[in-house]
Amino acid sequence: MSNSPQDVHKKVLGRKGERAVEKYLKQSGMQLLFRNYQTPFGEADIIAKDKDEIVFVEVKTRSSNEYGSGAEAVGKSKQQRYYKIAQYYGLQHGEEINARFDVAEVSAALQIEYFKNAF
């Protein structure tokens, strides 16, 4: 990614969205495990624990819905990537996990719409 003003704005907005979702998850009683979890298959924005489930959260922060909602941007390829990330996570932690995949849609005003079991 280049460092154009637009790219920097997107990166800053994305980080703000991730921090807002982390706060939301903690307030919902989840335990945060990892932020920006790196794997050979890509990155999971947030990994949390909710009771007996390991929750993989894709955060989509948008300044507008001009190009669709954040949740709509999580297509089949992104979903497949998250399935592989979950498998990798289980292998790295030596356990079979009960995985759940959620999507957090964040507006520029940091309003959160949360989709549990999104895919």
Protein backbone atom coordinates (compact mmCIF):
# COMPACT_ATOMS: atom_id res chain seq x y z
CA MET A 1 0.00 0.00 0.00
CA SER A 2 1.37 3.41 -0.89
CA ASN A 3 1.47 6.28 1.54
CA SER A 4 -0.94 8.60 -0.24
CA PRO A 5 -3.09 10.75 2.05
CA GLN A 6 -6.11 8.59 1.16
CA ASP A 7 -4.26 5.36 2.06
CA VAL A 8 -3.07 6.82 5.37
CA HIS A 9 -6.63 7.94 6.14
CA LYS A 10 -7.96 4.42 5.45
CA LYS A 11 -5.30 2.86 7.67
CA VAL A 12 -5.99 5.27 10.55
CA LEU A 13 -9.76 4.78 10.21
CA GLY A 14 -9.30 0.99 10.16
CA ARG A 15 -7.20 1.03 13.36
CA LYS A 16 -9.78 3.22 15.11
CA GLY A 17 -12.48 0.77 14.07
CA GLU A 18 -10.50 -2.20 15.40
CA ARG A 19 -9.96 -0.46 18.76
CA ALA A 20 -13.69 0.35 18.99
CA VAL A 21 -14.57 -3.29 18.31
CA GLU A 22 -12.06 -4.49 20.91
CA LYS A 23 -13.78 -2.28 23.50
CA TYR A 24 -17.19 -3.57 22.37
CA LEU A 25 -16.07 -7.20 22.70
CA LYS A 26 -14.63 -6.66 26.18
CA GLN A 27 -17.85 -4.97 27.28
CA SER A 28 -19.74 -7.97 25.86
CA GLY A 29 -17.76 -10.25 28.17
CA MET A 30 -15.36 -11.70 25.62
CA GLN A 31 -11.68 -12.22 26.33
CA LEU A 32 -9.38 -10.73 23.69
CA LEU A 33 -6.68 -13.16 22.63
CA PHE A 34 -5.00 -11.56 19.60
CA ARG A 35 -5.17 -8.47 17.43
CA ASN A 36 -3.86 -8.63 13.86
CA TYR A 37 -3.01 -12.33 14.11
CA GLN A 38 -0.58 -13.13 11.27
CA THR A 39 -0.61 -16.49 9.47
CA PRO A 40 0.66 -17.78 6.13
CA PHE A 41 -2.96 -17.44 4.93
CA GLY A 42 -3.43 -13.82 5.93
CA GLU A 43 -4.36 -11.82 8.97
CA ALA A 44 -7.29 -12.14 11.37
CA ASP A 45 -8.24 -8.71 12.67
CA ILE A 46 -9.27 -9.95 16.13
CA ILE A 47 -9.37 -13.32 17.85
CA ALA A 48 -11.37 -13.52 21.06
CA LYS A 49 -12.80 -16.14 23.37
CA ASP A 50 -16.52 -16.23 24.09
CA LYS A 51 -17.28 -18.98 26.61
CA ASP A 52 -16.21 -22.18 24.79
CA GLU A 53 -15.82 -20.59 21.34
CA ILE A 54 -12.78 -19.06 19.70
CA VAL A 55 -14.17 -16.10 17.75
CA PHE A 56 -12.48 -14.83 14.61
CA VAL A 57 -13.65 -11.28 13.93
CA GLU A 58 -13.28 -9.47 10.63
CA VAL A 59 -13.57 -5.72 11.19
CA LYS A 60 -14.77 -3.56 8.32
CA THR A 61 -14.63 0.17 8.91
CA ARG A 62 -16.20 2.40 6.29
CA SER A 63 -16.37 6.17 5.93
CA SER A 64 -19.53 5.67 3.83
CA ASN A 65 -21.63 2.94 2.25
CA GLU A 66 -21.00 4.31 -1.23
CA TYR A 67 -19.41 1.00 -2.28
CA GLY A 68 -21.61 -1.22 -0.10
CA SER A 69 -21.60 -2.03 3.58
CA GLY A 70 -18.61 -3.43 5.38
CA ALA A 71 -20.35 -6.76 5.95
CA GLU A 72 -21.06 -7.06 2.22
CA ALA A 73 -17.32 -6.76 1.59
CA VAL A 74 -16.66 -10.09 3.32
CA GLY A 75 -17.03 -12.36 0.31
CA LYS A 76 -16.32 -16.03 -0.28
CA SER A 77 -12.54 -15.60 -0.67
CA LYS A 78 -12.28 -13.70 2.64
CA GLN A 79 -14.43 -16.36 4.32
CA GLN A 80 -12.24 -19.17 2.95
CA ARG A 81 -9.16 -17.32 4.20
CA TYR A 82 -10.67 -17.10 7.70
CA TYR A 83 -11.45 -20.85 7.69
CA LYS A 84 -7.77 -21.53 6.93
CA ILE A 85 -6.66 -19.05 9.61
CA ALA A 86 -8.84 -20.89 12.15
CA GLN A 87 -7.34 -24.26 11.17
CA TYR A 88 -3.84 -22.79 11.46
CA TYR A 89 -4.69 -21.31 14.87
CA GLY A 90 -5.86 -24.71 16.13
CA LEU A 91 -2.68 -26.40 14.89
CA GLN A 92 -0.46 -23.72 16.44
CA HIS A 93 -2.20 -24.05 19.80
CA GLY A 94 -2.33 -27.85 19.71
CA GLU A 95 -6.04 -28.11 20.16
CA GLU A 96 -9.24 -28.67 18.26
CA ILE A 97 -11.21 -25.46 18.52
CA ASN A 98 -14.86 -24.57 18.44
CA ALA A 99 -14.58 -21.69 15.94
CA ARG A 100 -17.06 -18.93 15.23
CA PHE A 101 -16.77 -16.29 12.53
CA ASP A 102 -18.16 -12.82 13.20
CA VAL A 103 -18.10 -9.56 11.27
CA ALA A 104 -18.04 -6.12 12.87
CA GLU A 105 -19.13 -3.26 10.66
CA VAL A 106 -17.92 0.11 11.93
CA SER A 107 -18.99 3.53 10.65
CA ALA A 108 -16.72 6.56 10.52
CA ALA A 109 -18.55 7.77 13.66
CA LEU A 110 -17.44 4.47 15.30
CA GLN A 111 -20.96 3.06 15.48
CA ILE A 112 -20.75 -0.75 15.50
CA GLU A 113 -23.10 -3.23 13.91
CA TYR A 114 -22.04 -6.71 14.99
CA PHE A 115 -22.90 -9.89 13.08
CA LYS A 116 -22.45 -13.03 15.19
CA ASN A 117 -21.99 -16.25 13.17
CA ALA A 118 -21.72 -14.14 10.01
CA PHE A 119 -20.44 -17.07 7.96
